[in-house]
Amino acid sequence: MKKLIFILIMFPIFGTSQSWNQVSNFIEDGRHHPITFANDNYGFVVCGSYTNDVFKYDKLNDSWSQLQDFPAAGRGYSYGVTVGNKAYMGLGSTSNGLYPNDWWEYNMDNDSWTQKSSLPTDGRNHPAMIAINNKIYMGCGSNDNGNLGDWWEYDIINDLWSQKTSIIGNDRHHPFYFGIGNYAYVGFGHGSSPVAGTNPTSYIYNDFYRYDPNNDNWIQLSNFPSEARVAGTQFSYNGKGYILSGDGDNHGPLDSGEFWEYNPLNDSWNQLPSHPGGAIWAPGNFVIGCDVYFLLGQNRNTSPGTYPISVYQYKLSEDCGCIDPTAFNFSNLAVSDDGSCCYVSGCTDNSSLNYDSLSCYDDGSCIPSIIGCLNSTASNYNPLANVSTFNGGAFDNSIGSGSYFAGDQHIIFNSNEECIIRSADIYSESINTVTFEIRSSNGTVLDDTTYNITAGKQSIILNFNVPNGNGLQLGLSSNNSGLYRNNTGVNFPYNIGNMLSVTGSSAGVDYYYYYYNIKVEAKCLDITGLSNQFNIKKSLLKVTDILGRESEEKLNTPLLYIYEDGTVKKRIVIE
């Protein structure tokens, strides 16, 4: 698993054009209606959810940084366009219900803002904005006067607005739009009048139009061939237009994060793979090189709605790649370099004995890690084993987004032979007392240990004896732990050498709960008795039954093991 995450996060361009890959999460709170741009190897997020902050994404380093704030009122419900190294934005609405008509130029090279001539009419939410040949075309949207269908041209060179012919379809807000060649394309969205192909209750449209700036006229194209929609995001690339996600014809979330490609040569649509995580209302995107990055917005499939910070990348073309023939990942299909060239080879499989975290290209040298008893005097000595301990599972909580969680959930794993879980890393929201448990497939507690934990990341000693079996559980005894769990980026199974395989969780395969960087140790069996089988490395004070009466060690009986360090472990040793 760590190999996969390493490749996708450090070198996200290795993905194919047929799949979405997750990259580094957005570093601030999620938000709907972000304004997004791109330039060179950088993507930008401005405003959204009435904020005025600005963030920059570095594709080559897969990292985010915060820049100086947008100098005007924070806002949402608007968009922006890119022309060279400049971006243009404005309009939208503010938290006090105003609709500003201001217009701004942003220099992405030096992080500076310049106010330009304001739109000479009313401001608005949800307009279309399209750049064509040093002109920006803006129109539609809504404000307190209702839906709009007017159409305006902004001359970048002369800083001048002029009104053009209104859209020939119904007035609307939150349409989908993009520019291809010398034409603007606008359609779908939410209006206030019924037309063919709409839901008569909400008036969500699927009609589609082309605007010709040279002749200042509109023509109607073929209707969108699937469900009418609104409130998604859009872009153009290499002579085609694209729409992503949004709401369907009842203004509720689509069944999935749909992704469609429009070909203007034959006025046709082609559906591409949906983005992960379900349909999103009012997300953003930016295109860097041959990759589109999809992010933010609101997930209204949950109650209340949530604001994801996950960022997903999709490779639109093989035209971008490594063009250096000396690199290990040289592509003879690439025509432009995307910064992905890899010059370090080695073993990239983290489950291997010789895993090299600095390598970005696998050279076939990986040596499988075989966990087993290395003591030749033990009855279960394994002459093929090359290690007695190994760490695995999800190595840390950076695999995707998640949160601190108080529910009673667990991860599920299979064990190929008896072994010991020595330790694991956890992430705690605050100081707490937590009892950690290993359980059988039917939930019977086989072993537990209780710790007073601190806030933050820490390693805990478990010394859990693991029987051979399937469907075993690693969980907690209470539902108020406040420990971290991931709900995106999870990729089961997580194999820990040849010993354990973490196959899922009690909440399904999209969640990973609590136990990271799990250390597993082979158990050496000999004739020295039951206590040695436990491989206990700390001083045992006494053993009692569940009523507190001192007892000898017994099979098939729940017993409490009390140690000098204050920990108490409950065990059932099954014959």
Protein backbone atom coordinates (compact mmCIF):
# COMPACT_ATOMS: atom_id res chain seq x y z
CA MET A 1 0.00 0.00 0.00
CA LYS A 2 2.70 2.49 0.84
CA LYS A 3 4.21 1.98 -2.57
CA LEU A 4 0.99 2.94 -4.24
CA ILE A 5 0.48 6.01 -2.06
CA PHE A 6 4.09 7.05 -2.61
CA ILE A 7 3.76 6.94 -6.35
CA LEU A 8 0.44 8.72 -6.49
CA ILE A 9 1.28 11.44 -4.01
CA MET A 10 4.86 12.20 -4.87
CA PHE A 11 4.43 11.58 -8.57
CA PRO A 12 0.72 11.83 -9.32
CA ILE A 13 1.36 11.96 -13.07
CA PHE A 14 2.01 8.21 -13.10
CA GLY A 15 -1.76 7.72 -13.09
CA THR A 16 -3.49 6.61 -16.30
CA SER A 17 -6.16 8.37 -18.25
CA GLN A 18 -8.67 5.81 -17.06
CA SER A 19 -8.63 6.43 -13.33
CA TRP A 20 -8.75 9.05 -10.60
CA ASN A 21 -5.89 9.29 -8.12
CA GLN A 22 -5.84 11.04 -4.76
CA VAL A 23 -3.18 13.66 -4.05
CA SER A 24 -2.49 15.83 -0.99
CA ASN A 25 -5.50 17.14 0.87
CA PHE A 26 -6.43 20.81 0.91
CA ILE A 27 -4.80 22.37 4.01
CA GLU A 28 -7.69 24.50 5.29
CA ASP A 29 -11.36 23.90 6.01
CA GLY A 30 -13.41 22.70 3.08
CA ARG A 31 -15.75 25.13 1.30
CA HIS A 32 -18.33 25.35 -1.44
CA HIS A 33 -18.11 27.57 -4.54
CA PRO A 34 -14.33 28.03 -4.50
CA ILE A 35 -12.85 30.16 -7.28
CA THR A 36 -10.09 28.16 -8.97
CA PHE A 37 -7.29 28.95 -11.46
CA ALA A 38 -4.12 27.36 -12.75
CA ASN A 39 -0.82 28.58 -14.19
CA ASP A 40 2.32 26.63 -15.08
CA ASN A 41 2.66 23.87 -12.42
CA TYR A 42 0.43 25.61 -9.87
CA GLY A 43 -3.25 25.60 -9.01
CA PHE A 44 -5.00 28.33 -7.00
CA VAL A 45 -8.04 28.38 -4.71
CA VAL A 46 -9.59 31.76 -3.87
CA CYS A 47 -12.52 32.53 -1.57
CA GLY A 48 -15.53 30.22 -1.40
CA SER A 49 -18.00 30.00 1.52
CA TYR A 50 -17.67 33.78 2.02
CA THR A 51 -13.94 33.60 2.81
CA ASN A 52 -11.24 35.78 1.25
CA ASP A 53 -8.21 33.54 1.70
CA VAL A 54 -5.98 32.29 -1.14
CA PHE A 55 -4.11 28.98 -1.48
CA LYS A 56 -1.57 27.64 -3.96
CA TYR A 57 -1.04 24.00 -4.98
CA ASP A 58 2.40 22.92 -6.22
CA LYS A 59 1.99 19.95 -8.53
CA LEU A 60 5.66 18.93 -8.61
CA ASN A 61 5.91 18.73 -4.81
CA ASP A 62 2.25 17.76 -4.24
CA SER A 63 2.00 20.45 -1.56
CA TRP A 64 -0.21 23.39 -0.53
CA SER A 65 0.71 26.84 0.80
CA GLN A 66 -1.31 29.88 1.85
CA LEU A 67 -0.82 33.24 0.11
CA GLN A 68 -1.97 36.78 0.96
CA ASP A 69 -5.72 37.27 1.23
CA PHE A 70 -7.93 38.52 -1.58
CA PRO A 71 -8.12 42.30 -0.83
CA ALA A 72 -11.90 42.73 -1.26
CA ALA A 73 -14.89 41.31 0.58
CA GLY A 74 -14.91 37.56 1.08
CA ARG A 75 -17.46 35.84 -1.10
CA GLY A 76 -18.83 32.70 -2.65
CA TYR A 77 -21.10 31.74 -5.54
CA SER A 78 -18.78 33.04 -8.24
CA TYR A 79 -16.04 31.91 -10.61
CA GLY A 80 -12.94 33.07 -12.39
CA VAL A 81 -10.98 32.59 -15.60
CA THR A 82 -7.30 32.31 -16.53
CA VAL A 83 -5.62 34.24 -19.36
CA GLY A 84 -1.88 33.56 -19.51
CA ASN A 85 -0.34 34.26 -16.10
CA LYS A 86 -3.31 36.42 -15.03
CA ALA A 87 -6.63 35.40 -13.54
CA TYR A 88 -9.84 37.44 -13.47
CA MET A 89 -12.65 37.18 -10.93
CA GLY A 90 -15.35 39.10 -9.14
CA LEU A 91 -19.13 39.23 -8.64
CA GLY A 92 -20.72 36.49 -6.49
CA SER A 93 -22.27 37.36 -3.13
CA THR A 94 -21.09 38.23 0.36
CA SER A 95 -22.11 36.95 3.79
CA ASN A 96 -24.34 40.03 4.33
CA GLY A 97 -26.39 39.31 1.22
CA LEU A 98 -24.78 41.82 -1.16
CA TYR A 99 -24.01 41.20 -4.84
CA PRO A 100 -20.80 43.11 -5.63
CA ASN A 101 -20.13 44.03 -9.26
CA ASP A 102 -16.38 44.47 -8.74
CA TRP A 103 -13.79 42.94 -11.07
CA TRP A 104 -10.23 41.97 -10.21
CA GLU A 105 -7.04 40.90 -11.95
CA TYR A 106 -4.70 38.51 -10.14
CA ASN A 107 -1.06 38.07 -11.14
CA MET A 108 -0.29 34.45 -10.33
CA ASP A 109 3.46 34.93 -10.76
CA ASN A 110 3.90 37.51 -7.99
CA ASP A 111 0.70 37.05 -5.91
CA SER A 112 -0.62 40.57 -6.51
CA TRP A 113 -4.12 41.98 -7.08
CA THR A 114 -5.30 44.91 -9.22
CA GLN A 115 -8.88 46.17 -9.28
CA LYS A 116 -10.27 46.72 -12.77
CA SER A 117 -13.42 48.34 -14.14
CA SER A 118 -16.56 47.10 -12.44
CA LEU A 119 -19.32 45.36 -14.36
CA PRO A 120 -21.67 48.22 -15.47
CA THR A 121 -24.80 46.42 -14.34
CA ASP A 122 -26.04 44.48 -11.34
CA GLY A 123 -23.81 41.95 -9.64
CA ARG A 124 -24.91 38.32 -9.46
CA ASN A 125 -24.42 34.79 -8.18
CA HIS A 126 -23.52 31.81 -10.34
CA PRO A 127 -22.64 33.46 -13.66
CA ALA A 128 -20.84 31.85 -16.58
CA MET A 129 -17.29 33.16 -17.27
CA ILE A 130 -15.37 32.18 -20.41
CA ALA A 131 -12.08 33.51 -21.83
CA ILE A 132 -11.69 33.68 -25.64
CA ASN A 133 -8.87 35.55 -27.42
CA ASN A 134 -8.09 38.17 -24.74
CA LYS A 135 -11.79 38.74 -24.12
CA ILE A 136 -13.86 37.41 -21.24
CA TYR A 137 -17.54 36.64 -21.70
CA MET A 138 -19.80 36.71 -18.67
CA GLY A 139 -23.53 36.28 -18.28
CA CYS A 140 -26.53 34.51 -16.77
CA GLY A 141 -26.58 34.04 -12.99
CA SER A 142 -29.09 35.33 -10.45
CA ASN A 143 -29.65 38.03 -7.83
CA ASP A 144 -32.58 39.49 -5.91
CA ASN A 145 -34.28 40.20 -9.25
CA GLY A 146 -34.30 36.49 -10.16
CA ASN A 147 -32.56 34.52 -12.89
CA LEU A 148 -30.63 36.39 -15.60
CA GLY A 149 -29.83 35.74 -19.24
CA ASP A 150 -27.82 38.82 -20.23
CA TRP A 151 -24.39 38.49 -21.83
CA TRP A 152 -21.34 40.77 -21.50
CA GLU A 153 -17.88 41.09 -23.03
CA TYR A 154 -14.84 42.28 -21.07
CA ASP A 155 -11.93 43.59 -23.15
CA ILE A 156 -8.81 42.78 -21.13
CA ILE A 157 -6.48 45.10 -23.08
CA ASN A 158 -8.75 48.14 -22.82
CA ASP A 159 -10.35 47.28 -19.44
CA LEU A 160 -13.77 47.81 -20.97
CA TRP A 161 -17.18 46.11 -20.62
CA SER A 162 -19.82 46.00 -23.38
CA GLN A 163 -23.20 44.26 -23.52
CA LYS A 164 -23.85 41.57 -26.11
CA THR A 165 -26.82 39.48 -27.27
CA SER A 166 -28.52 37.63 -24.43
CA ILE A 167 -28.65 33.84 -24.38
CA ILE A 168 -31.50 32.55 -26.55
CA GLY A 169 -32.62 29.97 -24.00
CA ASN A 170 -34.31 30.64 -20.68
CA ASP A 171 -32.67 32.81 -18.04
CA ARG A 172 -30.71 30.66 -15.59
CA HIS A 173 -28.11 30.51 -12.87
CA HIS A 174 -25.31 28.02 -12.15
CA PRO A 175 -25.03 26.76 -15.74
CA PHE A 176 -22.21 24.60 -17.05
CA TYR A 177 -19.92 26.41 -19.49
CA PHE A 178 -16.54 26.32 -21.24
CA GLY A 179 -14.68 27.86 -24.17
CA ILE A 180 -13.43 25.80 -27.14
CA GLY A 181 -11.52 27.54 -29.91
CA ASN A 182 -13.38 30.71 -30.91
CA TYR A 183 -16.71 29.76 -29.33
CA ALA A 184 -18.34 29.84 -25.89
CA TYR A 185 -20.61 26.98 -24.81
CA VAL A 186 -23.29 27.44 -22.14
CA GLY A 187 -26.13 25.22 -20.96
CA PHE A 188 -27.99 23.29 -18.27
CA GLY A 189 -28.38 25.09 -14.93
CA HIS A 190 -31.39 26.22 -12.90
CA GLY A 191 -34.12 28.50 -14.23
CA SER A 192 -37.61 29.59 -13.30
CA SER A 193 -39.55 28.56 -16.41
CA PRO A 194 -40.27 25.10 -17.80
CA VAL A 195 -38.69 23.92 -21.04
CA ALA A 196 -38.52 20.52 -22.68
CA GLY A 197 -36.23 18.20 -20.79
CA THR A 198 -36.68 19.82 -17.36
CA ASN A 199 -38.09 18.68 -14.09
CA PRO A 200 -41.36 20.64 -13.87
CA THR A 201 -40.85 21.18 -10.15
CA SER A 202 -37.35 22.55 -10.02
CA TYR A 203 -36.70 23.58 -13.66
CA ILE A 204 -33.27 22.07 -13.94
CA TYR A 205 -32.24 22.27 -17.63
CA ASN A 206 -30.41 20.03 -20.09
CA ASP A 207 -30.46 22.38 -23.12
CA PHE A 208 -27.14 23.54 -24.59
CA TYR A 209 -26.02 26.56 -26.67
CA ARG A 210 -23.02 27.93 -28.59
CA TYR A 211 -22.09 31.61 -28.73
CA ASP A 212 -20.06 33.07 -31.61
CA PRO A 213 -18.25 36.26 -30.45
CA ASN A 214 -17.35 37.29 -33.99
CA ASN A 215 -21.00 37.44 -35.04
CA ASP A 216 -22.51 38.03 -31.60
CA ASN A 217 -25.08 35.27 -32.06
CA TRP A 218 -26.26 32.08 -30.42
CA ILE A 219 -27.33 28.70 -31.81
CA GLN A 220 -28.94 25.82 -29.96
CA LEU A 221 -27.12 22.50 -29.95
CA SER A 222 -28.32 19.01 -29.08
CA ASN A 223 -29.68 18.56 -25.57
CA PHE A 224 -27.42 16.87 -23.04
CA PRO A 225 -28.14 13.11 -23.38
CA SER A 226 -28.42 12.32 -19.67
CA GLU A 227 -30.07 13.73 -16.56
CA ALA A 228 -30.47 17.52 -16.46
CA ARG A 229 -28.07 19.07 -13.98
CA VAL A 230 -26.81 22.13 -12.13
CA ALA A 231 -24.12 23.25 -9.66
CA GLY A 232 -21.10 21.30 -10.84
CA THR A 233 -17.77 22.42 -12.26
CA GLN A 234 -16.34 22.53 -15.77
CA PHE A 235 -13.25 23.14 -17.94
CA SER A 236 -11.94 22.77 -21.48
CA TYR A 237 -8.86 20.91 -22.66
CA ASN A 238 -7.32 20.15 -26.04
CA GLY A 239 -10.36 21.05 -28.13
CA LYS A 240 -13.01 19.44 -25.92
CA GLY A 241 -15.22 20.54 -23.03
CA TYR A 242 -15.75 18.73 -19.74
CA ILE A 243 -18.34 18.83 -16.95
CA LEU A 244 -17.97 17.30 -13.50
CA SER A 245 -20.33 16.35 -10.66
CA GLY A 246 -23.15 18.58 -9.34
CA ASP A 247 -26.88 18.09 -8.69
CA GLY A 248 -29.42 16.32 -10.85
CA ASP A 249 -32.87 17.23 -12.09
CA ASN A 250 -34.38 17.38 -8.58
CA HIS A 251 -31.55 19.63 -7.35
CA GLY A 252 -30.33 16.74 -5.23
CA PRO A 253 -26.96 14.99 -5.65
CA LEU A 254 -26.36 12.88 -8.73
CA ASP A 255 -25.96 9.16 -8.11
CA SER A 256 -22.20 9.49 -8.63
CA GLY A 257 -19.58 12.12 -9.40
CA GLU A 258 -20.31 12.01 -13.12
CA PHE A 259 -17.66 13.13 -15.60
CA TRP A 260 -18.60 13.95 -19.22
CA GLU A 261 -16.61 15.00 -22.28
CA TYR A 262 -18.08 17.15 -25.07
CA ASN A 263 -16.76 16.96 -28.65
CA PRO A 264 -17.75 20.06 -30.68
CA LEU A 265 -16.82 18.42 -33.99
CA ASN A 266 -19.90 16.18 -33.90
CA ASP A 267 -21.90 17.82 -31.06
CA SER A 268 -21.66 14.68 -28.94
CA TRP A 269 -21.09 13.68 -25.31
CA ASN A 270 -19.03 10.80 -23.91
CA GLN A 271 -19.15 9.69 -20.28
CA LEU A 272 -15.82 9.17 -18.48
CA PRO A 273 -15.09 7.52 -15.08
CA SER A 274 -16.83 9.23 -12.16
CA HIS A 275 -14.63 10.89 -9.55
CA PRO A 276 -14.38 9.15 -6.12
CA GLY A 277 -16.42 10.09 -3.12
CA GLY A 278 -19.89 10.63 -4.60
CA ALA A 279 -21.41 13.65 -6.32
CA ILE A 280 -20.44 17.06 -4.93
CA TRP A 281 -22.40 20.32 -4.97
CA ALA A 282 -20.50 23.45 -6.08
CA PRO A 283 -16.95 22.04 -6.30
CA GLY A 284 -13.95 23.52 -8.12
CA ASN A 285 -11.20 22.31 -10.43
CA PHE A 286 -8.00 23.43 -12.11
CA VAL A 287 -6.04 21.95 -15.02
CA ILE A 288 -2.25 21.67 -14.80
CA GLY A 289 -0.54 20.23 -17.85
CA CYS A 290 -2.49 17.13 -18.86
CA ASP A 291 -4.14 16.67 -15.46
CA VAL A 292 -7.36 18.00 -13.99
CA TYR A 293 -7.62 18.37 -10.21
CA PHE A 294 -11.07 18.13 -8.61
CA LEU A 295 -11.62 19.53 -5.12
CA LEU A 296 -13.80 21.07 -2.41
CA GLY A 297 -17.54 21.77 -2.66
CA GLN A 298 -20.18 20.27 -0.36
CA ASN A 299 -21.15 16.63 0.01
CA ARG A 300 -24.91 16.72 0.50
CA ASN A 301 -25.22 12.93 0.65
CA THR A 302 -24.53 13.24 4.39
CA SER A 303 -26.71 14.88 7.02
CA PRO A 304 -25.64 17.47 7.82
CA GLY A 305 -23.67 18.13 4.66
CA THR A 306 -19.89 17.88 4.89
CA TYR A 307 -17.11 19.84 3.18
CA PRO A 308 -14.45 17.41 1.92
CA ILE A 309 -10.81 18.42 1.70
CA SER A 310 -9.77 15.50 -0.51
CA VAL A 311 -8.22 16.37 -3.86
CA TYR A 312 -8.40 14.02 -6.85
CA GLN A 313 -6.36 14.01 -10.07
CA TYR A 314 -7.25 12.61 -13.49
CA LYS A 315 -4.85 12.37 -16.43
CA LEU A 316 -6.60 13.70 -19.54
CA SER A 317 -3.90 12.81 -22.07
CA GLU A 318 -0.64 10.93 -22.48
CA ASP A 319 0.85 14.04 -24.09
CA CYS A 320 2.37 15.01 -20.74
CA GLY A 321 5.06 12.90 -19.13
CA CYS A 322 8.80 12.49 -18.76
CA ILE A 323 10.58 13.48 -21.97
CA ASP A 324 14.15 12.84 -20.71
CA PRO A 325 15.37 9.57 -22.33
CA THR A 326 17.86 9.05 -19.48
CA ALA A 327 15.07 8.80 -16.89
CA PHE A 328 13.66 5.45 -15.84
CA ASN A 329 10.10 6.53 -16.68
CA PHE A 330 10.80 8.14 -20.06
CA SER A 331 7.67 8.24 -22.23
CA ASN A 332 7.98 8.29 -26.01
CA LEU A 333 4.32 9.39 -26.17
CA ALA A 334 4.88 12.60 -24.20
CA VAL A 335 5.34 15.91 -26.03
CA SER A 336 5.68 18.12 -22.94
CA ASP A 337 7.52 17.48 -19.69
CA ASP A 338 5.42 17.42 -16.53
CA GLY A 339 8.24 17.20 -14.00
CA SER A 340 7.72 13.49 -13.31
CA CYS A 341 11.11 12.18 -14.44
CA CYS A 342 12.47 9.56 -12.06
CA TYR A 343 16.22 8.95 -11.68
CA VAL A 344 16.37 6.72 -8.57
CA SER A 345 15.65 3.01 -8.91
CA GLY A 346 15.32 0.37 -6.25
CA CYS A 347 12.70 -1.64 -4.40
CA THR A 348 9.48 0.36 -4.06
CA ASP A 349 7.45 -2.38 -2.36
CA ASN A 350 7.19 -1.50 1.31
CA SER A 351 6.42 -5.10 2.25
CA SER A 352 9.88 -6.15 1.04
CA LEU A 353 12.99 -6.60 3.13
CA ASN A 354 14.98 -4.10 1.06
CA TYR A 355 12.34 -1.43 0.55
CA ASP A 356 13.92 1.90 -0.46
CA SER A 357 11.76 4.93 0.41
CA LEU A 358 13.90 7.15 -1.87
CA SER A 359 13.25 5.07 -4.99
CA CYS A 360 10.59 6.12 -7.45
CA TYR A 361 11.15 3.34 -9.99
CA ASP A 362 11.04 -0.36 -9.14
CA ASP A 363 14.06 -2.23 -10.52
CA GLY A 364 12.80 -5.72 -9.70
CA SER A 365 15.25 -6.21 -6.81
CA CYS A 366 12.66 -6.59 -4.04
CA ILE A 367 13.30 -9.40 -1.56
CA PRO A 368 10.07 -10.70 0.01
CA SER A 369 9.94 -10.37 3.79
CA ILE A 370 9.26 -13.75 5.33
CA ILE A 371 8.30 -13.43 8.98
CA GLY A 372 8.96 -16.47 11.12
CA CYS A 373 10.72 -17.88 14.15
CA LEU A 374 14.49 -17.55 13.72
CA ASN A 375 15.37 -19.64 16.79
CA SER A 376 16.66 -22.97 15.51
CA THR A 377 15.89 -24.68 18.86
CA ALA A 378 12.19 -23.80 18.68
CA SER A 379 9.68 -26.36 17.54
CA ASN A 380 8.36 -23.99 14.86
CA TYR A 381 11.73 -22.78 13.56
CA ASN A 382 11.35 -21.48 10.00
CA PRO A 383 14.56 -21.86 7.95
CA LEU A 384 13.06 -19.74 5.14
CA ALA A 385 12.33 -16.75 7.40
CA ASN A 386 14.52 -13.65 7.11
CA VAL A 387 12.88 -11.40 9.76
CA SER A 388 11.15 -12.01 13.08
CA THR A 389 9.28 -8.68 13.20
CA PHE A 390 7.67 -6.47 10.60
CA ASN A 391 5.57 -3.29 10.54
CA GLY A 392 2.52 -2.85 8.35
CA GLY A 393 -1.11 -1.87 8.09
CA ALA A 394 -1.68 1.76 7.13
CA PHE A 395 1.65 3.30 8.07
CA ASP A 396 0.17 6.63 9.14
CA ASN A 397 -3.03 8.66 8.86
CA SER A 398 -1.91 10.61 5.76
CA ILE A 399 -3.46 8.05 3.38
CA GLY A 400 -6.49 10.30 2.92
CA SER A 401 -8.91 12.46 4.84
CA GLY A 402 -10.54 11.50 8.12
CA SER A 403 -11.27 12.76 11.60
CA TYR A 404 -11.17 11.96 15.30
CA PHE A 405 -13.95 9.52 16.05
CA ALA A 406 -15.73 8.35 19.19
CA GLY A 407 -17.63 5.34 17.84
CA ASP A 408 -17.10 1.67 18.67
CA GLN A 409 -15.53 0.46 15.42
CA HIS A 410 -12.62 -1.83 14.54
CA ILE A 411 -10.43 -3.12 11.74
CA ILE A 412 -10.72 -6.75 10.58
CA PHE A 413 -7.77 -9.00 9.79
CA ASN A 414 -6.73 -12.57 9.02
CA SER A 415 -3.80 -14.37 10.64
CA ASN A 416 -1.91 -17.10 8.80
CA GLU A 417 -0.26 -18.42 11.97
CA GLU A 418 0.06 -17.64 15.67
CA CYS A 419 1.99 -14.44 16.25
CA ILE A 420 2.14 -11.35 18.47
CA ILE A 421 1.01 -7.78 17.78
CA ARG A 422 3.68 -5.93 19.72
CA SER A 423 2.69 -2.30 19.18
CA ALA A 424 0.85 0.22 17.01
CA ASP A 425 0.68 3.97 16.49
CA ILE A 426 -2.46 5.91 17.39
CA TYR A 427 -3.57 9.54 17.03
CA SER A 428 -5.61 11.00 19.88
CA GLU A 429 -7.61 14.22 19.96
CA SER A 430 -7.11 14.70 23.70
CA ILE A 431 -6.02 13.11 27.00
CA ASN A 432 -8.09 10.01 27.65
CA THR A 433 -8.14 6.50 29.10
CA VAL A 434 -8.68 3.88 26.43
CA THR A 435 -8.83 0.08 26.51
CA PHE A 436 -7.51 -1.58 23.35
CA GLU A 437 -8.79 -5.05 22.43
CA ILE A 438 -8.13 -7.97 20.14
CA ARG A 439 -11.25 -10.05 19.53
CA SER A 440 -12.28 -13.21 17.77
CA SER A 441 -14.45 -13.12 14.66
CA ASN A 442 -17.58 -13.29 16.85
CA GLY A 443 -16.46 -10.41 19.06
CA THR A 444 -15.12 -12.39 22.04
CA VAL A 445 -12.31 -10.44 23.73
CA LEU A 446 -9.09 -12.48 23.54
CA ASP A 447 -6.76 -9.87 25.04
CA ASP A 448 -6.83 -6.22 26.06
CA THR A 449 -4.71 -3.49 27.58
CA THR A 450 -5.60 -0.07 29.03
CA TYR A 451 -3.59 3.14 28.63
CA ASN A 452 -3.78 6.72 29.77
CA ILE A 453 -3.08 8.37 26.42
CA THR A 454 -2.02 11.91 25.58
CA ALA A 455 -3.09 14.18 22.73
CA GLY A 456 -1.35 13.63 19.39
CA LYS A 457 0.51 10.73 17.83
CA GLN A 458 1.98 8.04 20.10
CA SER A 459 3.08 4.42 20.02
CA ILE A 460 1.42 1.98 22.41
CA ILE A 461 2.70 -1.42 23.51
CA LEU A 462 0.04 -4.09 23.01
CA ASN A 463 1.67 -7.56 23.23
CA PHE A 464 -1.52 -9.14 21.88
CA ASN A 465 -1.31 -12.87 21.22
CA VAL A 466 -2.89 -13.58 17.85
CA PRO A 467 -4.35 -16.99 17.06
CA ASN A 468 -4.42 -18.48 13.57
CA GLY A 469 -7.77 -17.52 12.04
CA ASN A 470 -9.89 -15.22 9.87
CA GLY A 471 -12.11 -12.26 10.68
CA LEU A 472 -10.21 -11.26 13.83
CA GLN A 473 -10.81 -7.76 15.19
CA LEU A 474 -8.66 -4.92 16.53
CA GLY A 475 -10.89 -2.47 18.34
CA LEU A 476 -11.69 -0.63 21.56
CA SER A 477 -13.78 -1.38 24.61
CA SER A 478 -15.59 1.96 24.64
CA ASN A 479 -17.14 4.40 22.20
CA ASN A 480 -15.63 7.62 23.55
CA SER A 481 -12.03 7.19 22.49
CA GLY A 482 -11.59 10.25 20.27
CA LEU A 483 -8.97 8.45 18.16
CA TYR A 484 -8.27 9.21 14.51
CA ARG A 485 -9.72 7.18 11.65
CA ASN A 486 -9.49 7.60 7.90
CA ASN A 487 -12.53 7.65 5.64
CA THR A 488 -10.77 8.27 2.30
CA GLY A 489 -7.61 6.96 0.69
CA VAL A 490 -8.11 3.49 2.18
CA ASN A 491 -6.94 0.57 0.04
CA PHE A 492 -7.43 -2.87 1.57
CA PRO A 493 -5.83 -5.33 2.00
CA TYR A 494 -2.88 -4.14 4.07
CA ASN A 495 -0.55 -7.13 4.25
CA ILE A 496 1.96 -7.36 7.09
CA GLY A 497 4.50 -9.70 5.56
CA ASN A 498 3.20 -13.24 5.33
CA MET A 499 1.66 -13.12 8.82
CA LEU A 500 -1.37 -10.80 8.83
CA SER A 501 -3.67 -9.24 6.28
CA VAL A 502 -5.93 -6.34 7.29
CA THR A 503 -8.94 -6.87 5.02
CA GLY A 504 -11.53 -4.25 6.06
CA SER A 505 -13.32 -2.55 8.91
CA SER A 506 -16.60 -2.78 10.80
CA ALA A 507 -17.81 0.23 8.76
CA GLY A 508 -16.80 -1.19 5.37
CA VAL A 509 -13.82 -0.90 3.07
CA ASP A 510 -13.84 2.92 2.91
CA TYR A 511 -12.77 3.29 6.55
CA TYR A 512 -9.59 2.49 8.47
CA TYR A 513 -9.79 2.62 12.28
CA TYR A 514 -7.26 3.62 14.92
CA TYR A 515 -4.29 1.19 14.55
CA TYR A 516 -1.43 2.46 12.34
CA ASN A 517 2.09 1.12 11.76
CA ILE A 518 1.27 -2.21 13.41
CA LYS A 519 4.33 -4.18 14.55
CA VAL A 520 3.95 -7.96 14.27
CA GLU A 521 6.37 -10.50 15.73
CA ALA A 522 6.67 -14.21 15.00
CA LYS A 523 6.05 -16.46 17.99
CA CYS A 524 8.67 -19.10 18.77
CA LEU A 525 7.17 -22.20 20.37
CA ASP A 526 9.17 -24.54 22.62
CA ILE A 527 8.66 -26.72 25.69
CA THR A 528 9.24 -24.15 28.40
CA GLY A 529 5.57 -23.76 29.19
CA LEU A 530 2.58 -21.52 28.74
CA SER A 531 4.14 -18.30 29.99
CA ASN A 532 6.90 -18.41 27.40
CA GLN A 533 4.32 -18.74 24.68
CA PHE A 534 3.05 -15.32 25.65
CA ASN A 535 6.50 -13.81 25.08
CA ILE A 536 5.85 -11.39 27.94
CA LYS A 537 8.68 -8.87 28.24
CA LYS A 538 7.53 -6.93 31.29
CA SER A 539 7.27 -7.98 34.94
CA LEU A 540 4.11 -9.84 35.86
CA LEU A 541 2.85 -9.23 39.41
CA LYS A 542 0.02 -11.71 39.50
CA VAL A 543 -2.73 -13.48 37.59
CA THR A 544 -6.34 -13.34 38.78
CA ASP A 545 -9.71 -14.59 37.59
CA ILE A 546 -12.35 -12.06 36.55
CA LEU A 547 -13.52 -11.84 40.20
CA GLY A 548 -10.07 -10.72 41.35
CA ARG A 549 -9.01 -14.04 42.92
CA GLU A 550 -5.42 -15.04 42.32
CA SER A 551 -5.15 -17.92 39.87
CA GLU A 552 -2.72 -20.07 37.99
CA GLU A 553 -2.49 -19.75 34.22
CA LYS A 554 -5.20 -21.83 32.57
CA LEU A 555 -6.37 -22.59 29.06
CA ASN A 556 -9.85 -21.62 27.81
CA THR A 557 -10.45 -19.37 30.84
CA PRO A 558 -10.63 -15.57 30.97
CA LEU A 559 -7.79 -14.32 33.22
CA LEU A 560 -6.44 -10.90 34.22
CA TYR A 561 -2.64 -10.35 34.00
CA ILE A 562 -1.48 -7.51 36.26
CA TYR A 563 1.99 -5.99 35.59
CA GLU A 564 4.38 -3.80 37.54
CA ASP A 565 3.86 -0.86 35.16
CA GLY A 566 0.17 -0.70 36.12
CA THR A 567 -1.24 -2.18 32.92
CA VAL A 568 -3.84 -4.91 33.11
CA LYS A 569 -4.45 -7.38 30.29
CA LYS A 570 -7.34 -9.76 29.92
CA ARG A 571 -6.56 -12.97 28.05
CA ILE A 572 -8.25 -16.11 26.92
CA VAL A 573 -5.74 -18.69 25.69
CA ILE A 574 -7.60 -21.10 23.43
CA GLU A 575 -6.39 -24.68 23.33
